[in-house]
Amino acid sequence: MVILLLANCALPTLAHLDDSPAVVECKKHFSIKYAFDVYNYIFKGKKIGDFSCRALVALGKPCHNVFVNSTFTYEHTGNRTAIQARADRVFNHCIIATFVPPPSSLS
């Protein structure tokens, strides 16, 4: 029970974000699983999966920026410039990963 409580306190969720109209609207279009993946890429340096990339690209850059900027209101660790750079990097990576077909085995 204590481990579950600690995990819930330590992991970010979309619930931590403010309830501005933009955040409320963007939350409707993005699952918590994908939010964890994007957060972990930006703040923890972990890899992001293909499904999370597709979901992020489908969400769009404006909502991605809304989430990143709202995260700064409760997440006060790290350099904001570096964090924003990682946020931009993950979005750009996902665009490329989503739209570039894998190499064909037929040659």
Protein backbone atom coordinates (compact mmCIF):
# COMPACT_ATOMS: atom_id res chain seq x y z
CA MET A 1 0.00 0.00 0.00
CA VAL A 2 2.82 2.41 0.86
CA ILE A 3 4.60 1.65 -2.44
CA LEU A 4 1.41 2.38 -4.36
CA LEU A 5 0.98 5.68 -2.51
CA LEU A 6 4.60 6.66 -3.17
CA ALA A 7 4.28 5.76 -6.84
CA ASN A 8 1.15 7.86 -7.17
CA CYS A 9 2.89 10.81 -5.54
CA ALA A 10 6.06 10.49 -7.60
CA LEU A 11 4.61 10.01 -11.07
CA PRO A 12 3.22 12.95 -12.98
CA THR A 13 -0.30 12.77 -14.29
CA LEU A 14 -2.44 14.94 -16.44
CA ALA A 15 -4.40 15.65 -13.23
CA HIS A 16 -1.47 17.72 -11.93
CA LEU A 17 -1.92 20.20 -14.74
CA ASP A 18 -3.99 23.30 -14.21
CA ASP A 19 -7.59 23.44 -15.34
CA SER A 20 -7.22 26.20 -17.90
CA PRO A 21 -9.57 25.80 -20.88
CA ALA A 22 -6.65 24.82 -23.13
CA VAL A 23 -5.44 22.09 -20.74
CA VAL A 24 -8.98 20.76 -20.24
CA GLU A 25 -9.52 20.53 -23.99
CA CYS A 26 -6.14 18.91 -24.67
CA LYS A 27 -6.64 16.32 -21.90
CA LYS A 28 -9.66 15.02 -23.83
CA HIS A 29 -7.38 13.94 -26.68
CA PHE A 30 -4.44 12.30 -24.90
CA SER A 31 -4.30 9.24 -22.66
CA ILE A 32 -2.39 9.15 -19.40
CA LYS A 33 -0.21 6.29 -20.71
CA TYR A 34 1.05 8.44 -23.56
CA ALA A 35 1.47 11.40 -21.22
CA PHE A 36 3.74 9.27 -18.99
CA ASP A 37 5.81 8.23 -22.00
CA VAL A 38 6.28 11.81 -23.21
CA TYR A 39 7.01 13.04 -19.67
CA ASN A 40 9.57 10.27 -19.13
CA TYR A 41 11.30 11.18 -22.40
CA ILE A 42 11.47 14.87 -21.53
CA PHE A 43 12.27 14.69 -17.82
CA LYS A 44 13.84 11.24 -17.36
CA GLY A 45 15.64 10.68 -20.68
CA LYS A 46 13.76 7.45 -21.44
CA LYS A 47 12.82 6.18 -24.88
CA ILE A 48 9.38 6.77 -26.34
CA GLY A 49 7.43 4.08 -28.16
CA ASP A 50 5.84 4.21 -31.59
CA PHE A 51 2.27 4.30 -30.29
CA SER A 52 3.09 7.19 -27.97
CA CYS A 53 4.76 9.01 -30.86
CA ARG A 54 1.70 8.54 -33.06
CA ALA A 55 -0.54 9.79 -30.26
CA LEU A 56 1.68 12.83 -29.68
CA VAL A 57 1.69 13.79 -33.36
CA ALA A 58 -2.10 13.29 -33.54
CA LEU A 59 -2.45 15.49 -30.44
CA GLY A 60 -0.55 18.27 -32.21
CA LYS A 61 2.14 20.76 -31.30
CA PRO A 62 -0.22 23.32 -29.70
CA CYS A 63 -1.51 20.82 -27.11
CA HIS A 64 1.99 19.42 -26.59
CA ASN A 65 3.14 22.96 -25.78
CA VAL A 66 0.16 23.48 -23.46
CA PHE A 67 1.13 20.37 -21.48
CA VAL A 68 4.83 21.25 -21.36
CA ASN A 69 4.15 24.81 -20.25
CA SER A 70 1.64 23.66 -17.64
CA THR A 71 4.16 21.13 -16.34
CA PHE A 72 6.52 24.00 -15.55
CA THR A 73 3.97 25.26 -13.01
CA TYR A 74 4.40 22.18 -10.79
CA GLU A 75 7.69 20.68 -11.98
CA HIS A 76 10.47 22.99 -10.81
CA THR A 77 13.46 20.78 -11.54
CA GLY A 78 15.95 21.31 -14.28
CA ASN A 79 16.74 24.06 -16.68
CA ARG A 80 13.63 25.34 -18.44
CA THR A 81 15.55 25.95 -21.68
CA ALA A 82 16.93 22.40 -21.69
CA ILE A 83 13.51 20.93 -20.87
CA GLN A 84 11.87 22.93 -23.66
CA ALA A 85 14.58 21.72 -26.05
CA ARG A 86 13.86 18.09 -25.09
CA ALA A 87 10.13 18.72 -25.52
CA ASP A 88 10.75 20.10 -29.02
CA ARG A 89 13.11 17.21 -29.77
CA VAL A 90 10.57 14.54 -28.82
CA PHE A 91 7.88 16.15 -30.96
CA ASN A 92 10.21 16.43 -33.96
CA HIS A 93 11.43 12.86 -33.43
CA CYS A 94 7.84 11.63 -33.36
CA ILE A 95 6.96 13.46 -36.57
CA ILE A 96 9.86 11.76 -38.34
CA ALA A 97 9.17 8.35 -36.76
CA THR A 98 5.48 8.58 -37.64
CA PHE A 99 5.84 9.66 -41.25
CA VAL A 100 8.97 7.84 -42.39
CA PRO A 101 8.11 4.30 -43.46
CA PRO A 102 10.41 1.57 -42.17
CA PRO A 103 12.90 0.15 -44.67
CA SER A 104 11.38 -2.48 -46.91
CA SER A 105 12.71 -6.00 -46.82
CA LEU A 106 11.92 -6.26 -50.52
CA SER A 107 14.89 -5.18 -52.57
